[in-house]
Amino acid sequence: DNLVQIGHNVVLGRGCILAGQVGISGSTKLGDFVMAGGQAGLAGHLDIGSGARIAAKAGLMRDVASGETVCGIPAVPIASFMKQVAILQRLARKKNG
Protein backbone atom coordinates (compact mmCIF):
# COMPACT_ATOMS: atom_id res chain seq x y z
CA ASP A 1 0.00 0.00 0.00
CA ASN A 2 1.06 3.67 -0.01
CA LEU A 3 3.41 5.39 2.40
CA VAL A 4 4.94 2.27 3.96
CA GLN A 5 8.33 2.95 5.57
CA ILE A 6 10.72 -0.01 5.85
CA GLY A 7 13.93 0.57 7.80
CA HIS A 8 17.44 -0.76 7.20
CA ASN A 9 18.12 -4.50 7.47
CA VAL A 10 14.40 -5.37 7.71
CA VAL A 11 13.61 -8.89 6.50
CA LEU A 12 10.12 -9.53 5.09
CA GLY A 13 8.85 -13.08 4.75
CA ARG A 14 6.75 -14.37 1.87
CA GLY A 15 3.25 -13.01 1.39
CA CYS A 16 3.36 -10.24 4.01
CA ILE A 17 0.58 -7.65 3.78
CA LEU A 18 1.36 -4.12 4.95
CA ALA A 19 -1.43 -1.52 4.85
CA GLY A 20 -0.84 2.19 4.30
CA GLN A 21 1.37 4.18 6.65
CA VAL A 22 2.93 1.16 8.35
CA GLY A 23 6.40 1.88 9.72
CA ILE A 24 8.94 -0.87 10.43
CA SER A 25 12.14 0.11 12.23
CA GLY A 26 15.55 -1.32 11.40
CA SER A 27 16.59 -4.95 11.81
CA THR A 28 13.05 -6.23 12.44
CA LYS A 29 12.25 -9.65 10.95
CA LEU A 30 8.75 -10.56 9.75
CA GLY A 31 7.90 -14.21 9.14
CA ASP A 32 5.75 -15.43 6.27
CA PHE A 33 2.21 -14.09 5.81
CA VAL A 34 2.36 -11.43 8.52
CA MET A 35 -0.40 -8.79 8.29
CA ALA A 36 -0.01 -5.24 9.61
CA GLY A 37 -2.95 -2.82 9.65
CA GLY A 38 -2.77 0.84 8.67
CA GLN A 39 -0.57 3.17 10.73
CA ALA A 40 0.92 0.32 12.78
CA GLY A 41 4.39 1.10 14.09
CA LEU A 42 6.99 -1.60 14.77
CA ALA A 43 10.05 -0.88 16.89
CA GLY A 44 13.47 -2.08 15.80
CA HIS A 45 15.15 -5.44 16.37
CA LEU A 46 11.90 -7.42 16.74
CA ASP A 47 11.02 -10.94 15.58
CA ILE A 48 7.48 -11.27 14.28
CA GLY A 49 6.40 -14.89 13.80
CA SER A 50 4.72 -16.29 10.70
CA GLY A 51 1.00 -15.60 10.44
CA ALA A 52 1.06 -12.90 13.12
CA ARG A 53 -1.50 -10.10 12.82
CA ILE A 54 -0.83 -6.54 13.96
CA ALA A 55 -3.92 -4.34 14.26
CA ALA A 56 -4.20 -0.86 12.77
CA LYS A 57 -2.54 1.89 14.83
CA ALA A 58 -0.79 -0.65 17.07
CA GLY A 59 2.46 0.40 18.72
CA LEU A 60 4.54 -2.77 18.71
CA MET A 61 7.53 -2.86 21.06
CA ARG A 62 8.03 -6.59 21.66
CA ASP A 63 8.38 -9.82 19.71
CA VAL A 64 5.18 -11.50 18.47
CA ALA A 65 4.73 -15.28 18.36
CA SER A 66 3.57 -17.07 15.23
CA GLY A 67 -0.18 -16.77 14.73
CA GLU A 68 -0.63 -14.21 17.51
CA THR A 69 -2.86 -11.13 17.06
CA VAL A 70 -1.83 -7.93 18.84
CA CYS A 71 -3.40 -4.49 19.13
CA GLY A 72 -3.21 -1.28 21.15
CA ILE A 73 -0.46 1.05 22.34
CA PRO A 74 1.66 -0.61 23.56
CA ALA A 75 0.56 -3.61 21.54
CA VAL A 76 -0.63 -6.58 23.60
CA PRO A 77 -2.39 -9.83 22.72
CA ILE A 78 -5.95 -9.11 21.62
CA ALA A 79 -7.53 -10.98 24.57
CA SER A 80 -5.60 -8.76 27.03
CA PHE A 81 -6.59 -5.65 25.08
CA MET A 82 -10.29 -6.58 25.20
CA LYS A 83 -10.06 -7.21 28.98
CA GLN A 84 -8.51 -3.75 29.42
CA VAL A 85 -11.32 -2.14 27.41
CA ALA A 86 -14.00 -3.97 29.44
CA ILE A 87 -12.41 -2.90 32.74
CA LEU A 88 -12.21 0.73 31.62
CA GLN A 89 -15.87 0.68 30.57
CA ARG A 90 -16.90 -0.74 33.96
CA LEU A 91 -14.86 1.92 35.76
CA ALA A 92 -16.47 4.67 33.69
CA ARG A 93 -19.98 3.36 34.44
CA LYS A 94 -19.14 3.11 38.15
CA LYS A 95 -17.91 6.70 38.23
CA ASN A 96 -20.89 8.06 36.28
CA GLY A 97 -23.52 5.80 37.81
C-alpha atoms as a PDB file:
ATOM      1  CA  ASP A   1       0.000   0.000   0.000  1.00  0.00           C
ATOM      2  CA  ASN A   2       1.056   3.669  -0.011  1.00  0.00           C
ATOM      3  CA  LEU A   3       3.414   5.385   2.402  1.00  0.00           C
ATOM      4  CA  VAL A   4       4.936   2.267   3.957  1.00  0.00           C
ATOM      5  CA  GLN A   5       8.328   2.950   5.566  1.00  0.00           C
ATOM      6  CA  ILE A   6      10.717  -0.012   5.848  1.00  0.00           C
ATOM      7  CA  GLY A   7      13.925   0.566   7.801  1.00  0.00           C
ATOM      8  CA  HIS A   8      17.440  -0.757   7.199  1.00  0.00           C
ATOM      9  CA  ASN A   9      18.122  -4.504   7.466  1.00  0.00           C
ATOM     10  CA  VAL A  10      14.404  -5.370   7.714  1.00  0.00           C
ATOM     11  CA  VAL A  11      13.607  -8.894   6.503  1.00  0.00           C
ATOM     12  CA  LEU A  12      10.116  -9.527   5.094  1.00  0.00           C
ATOM     13  CA  GLY A  13       8.854 -13.082   4.752  1.00  0.00           C
ATOM     14  CA  ARG A  14       6.750 -14.375   1.871  1.00  0.00           C
ATOM     15  CA  GLY A  15       3.247 -13.006   1.394  1.00  0.00           C
ATOM     16  CA  CYS A  16       3.365 -10.244   4.007  1.00  0.00           C
ATOM     17  CA  ILE A  17       0.577  -7.655   3.775  1.00  0.00           C
ATOM     18  CA  LEU A  18       1.363  -4.123   4.953  1.00  0.00           C
ATOM     19  CA  ALA A  19      -1.428  -1.520   4.845  1.00  0.00           C
ATOM     20  CA  GLY A  20      -0.843   2.193   4.299  1.00  0.00           C
ATOM     21  CA  GLN A  21       1.373   4.182   6.652  1.00  0.00           C
ATOM     22  CA  VAL A  22       2.933   1.163   8.353  1.00  0.00           C
ATOM     23  CA  GLY A  23       6.404   1.875   9.723  1.00  0.00           C
ATOM     24  CA  ILE A  24       8.944  -0.867  10.426  1.00  0.00           C
ATOM     25  CA  SER A  25      12.141   0.110  12.227  1.00  0.00           C
ATOM     26  CA  GLY A  26      15.548  -1.322  11.400  1.00  0.00           C
ATOM     27  CA  SER A  27      16.586  -4.947  11.810  1.00  0.00           C
ATOM     28  CA  THR A  28      13.053  -6.231  12.440  1.00  0.00           C
ATOM     29  CA  LYS A  29      12.246  -9.649  10.954  1.00  0.00           C
ATOM     30  CA  LEU A  30       8.751 -10.561   9.755  1.00  0.00           C
ATOM     31  CA  GLY A  31       7.896 -14.209   9.141  1.00  0.00           C
ATOM     32  CA  ASP A  32       5.755 -15.430   6.271  1.00  0.00           C
ATOM     33  CA  PHE A  33       2.215 -14.090   5.806  1.00  0.00           C
ATOM     34  CA  VAL A  34       2.359 -11.431   8.522  1.00  0.00           C
ATOM     35  CA  MET A  35      -0.399  -8.793   8.290  1.00  0.00           C
ATOM     36  CA  ALA A  36      -0.006  -5.236   9.609  1.00  0.00           C
ATOM     37  CA  GLY A  37      -2.952  -2.820   9.648  1.00  0.00           C
ATOM     38  CA  GLY A  38      -2.769   0.841   8.674  1.00  0.00           C
ATOM     39  CA  GLN A  39      -0.574   3.166  10.729  1.00  0.00           C
ATOM     40  CA  ALA A  40       0.920   0.323  12.780  1.00  0.00           C
ATOM     41  CA  GLY A  41       4.395   1.098  14.086  1.00  0.00           C
ATOM     42  CA  LEU A  42       6.987  -1.599  14.770  1.00  0.00           C
ATOM     43  CA  ALA A  43      10.051  -0.879  16.894  1.00  0.00           C
ATOM     44  CA  GLY A  44      13.472  -2.078  15.798  1.00  0.00           C
ATOM     45  CA  HIS A  45      15.153  -5.444  16.373  1.00  0.00           C
ATOM     46  CA  LEU A  46      11.897  -7.417  16.742  1.00  0.00           C
ATOM     47  CA  ASP A  47      11.023 -10.936  15.578  1.00  0.00           C
ATOM     48  CA  ILE A  48       7.476 -11.272  14.275  1.00  0.00           C
ATOM     49  CA  GLY A  49       6.400 -14.895  13.798  1.00  0.00           C
ATOM     50  CA  SER A  50       4.722 -16.285  10.698  1.00  0.00           C
ATOM     51  CA  GLY A  51       1.005 -15.604  10.438  1.00  0.00           C
ATOM     52  CA  ALA A  52       1.056 -12.902  13.116  1.00  0.00           C
ATOM     53  CA  ARG A  53      -1.497 -10.104  12.820  1.00  0.00           C
ATOM     54  CA  ILE A  54      -0.833  -6.540  13.964  1.00  0.00           C
ATOM     55  CA  ALA A  55      -3.923  -4.339  14.256  1.00  0.00           C
ATOM     56  CA  ALA A  56      -4.198  -0.864  12.772  1.00  0.00           C
ATOM     57  CA  LYS A  57      -2.538   1.893  14.826  1.00  0.00           C
ATOM     58  CA  ALA A  58      -0.787  -0.649  17.071  1.00  0.00           C
ATOM     59  CA  GLY A  59       2.464   0.399  18.716  1.00  0.00           C
ATOM     60  CA  LEU A  60       4.544  -2.769  18.709  1.00  0.00           C
ATOM     61  CA  MET A  61       7.525  -2.859  21.064  1.00  0.00           C
ATOM     62  CA  ARG A  62       8.032  -6.593  21.656  1.00  0.00           C
ATOM     63  CA  ASP A  63       8.376  -9.823  19.705  1.00  0.00           C
ATOM     64  CA  VAL A  64       5.180 -11.496  18.468  1.00  0.00           C
ATOM     65  CA  ALA A  65       4.731 -15.277  18.360  1.00  0.00           C
ATOM     66  CA  SER A  66       3.568 -17.074  15.228  1.00  0.00           C
ATOM     67  CA  GLY A  67      -0.184 -16.774  14.728  1.00  0.00           C
ATOM     68  CA  GLU A  68      -0.633 -14.209  17.505  1.00  0.00           C
ATOM     69  CA  THR A  69      -2.858 -11.133  17.059  1.00  0.00           C
ATOM     70  CA  VAL A  70      -1.835  -7.929  18.840  1.00  0.00           C
ATOM     71  CA  CYS A  71      -3.402  -4.487  19.133  1.00  0.00           C
ATOM     72  CA  GLY A  72      -3.206  -1.275  21.153  1.00  0.00           C
ATOM     73  CA  ILE A  73      -0.456   1.046  22.338  1.00  0.00           C
ATOM     74  CA  PRO A  74       1.661  -0.607  23.557  1.00  0.00           C
ATOM     75  CA  ALA A  75       0.561  -3.615  21.542  1.00  0.00           C
ATOM     76  CA  VAL A  76      -0.625  -6.576  23.605  1.00  0.00           C
ATOM     77  CA  PRO A  77      -2.387  -9.832  22.716  1.00  0.00           C
ATOM     78  CA  ILE A  78      -5.955  -9.106  21.625  1.00  0.00           C
ATOM     79  CA  ALA A  79      -7.526 -10.975  24.574  1.00  0.00           C
ATOM     80  CA  SER A  80      -5.602  -8.760  27.026  1.00  0.00           C
ATOM     81  CA  PHE A  81      -6.595  -5.654  25.082  1.00  0.00           C
ATOM     82  CA  MET A  82     -10.287  -6.584  25.200  1.00  0.00           C
ATOM     83  CA  LYS A  83     -10.059  -7.205  28.976  1.00  0.00           C
ATOM     84  CA  GLN A  84      -8.513  -3.752  29.421  1.00  0.00           C
ATOM     85  CA  VAL A  85     -11.322  -2.145  27.409  1.00  0.00           C
ATOM     86  CA  ALA A  86     -14.001  -3.967  29.436  1.00  0.00           C
ATOM     87  CA  ILE A  87     -12.414  -2.899  32.740  1.00  0.00           C
ATOM     88  CA  LEU A  88     -12.213   0.733  31.616  1.00  0.00           C
ATOM     89  CA  GLN A  89     -15.873   0.678  30.570  1.00  0.00           C
ATOM     90  CA  ARG A  90     -16.895  -0.736  33.955  1.00  0.00           C
ATOM     91  CA  LEU A  91     -14.864   1.925  35.763  1.00  0.00           C
ATOM     92  CA  ALA A  92     -16.472   4.673  33.687  1.00  0.00           C
ATOM     93  CA  ARG A  93     -19.976   3.357  34.443  1.00  0.00           C
ATOM     94  CA  LYS A  94     -19.141   3.106  38.146  1.00  0.00           C
ATOM     95  CA  LYS A  95     -17.911   6.701  38.226  1.00  0.00           C
ATOM     96  CA  ASN A  96     -20.889   8.055  36.277  1.00  0.00           C
ATOM     97  CA  GLY A  97     -23.524   5.803  37.808  1.00  0.00           C
END
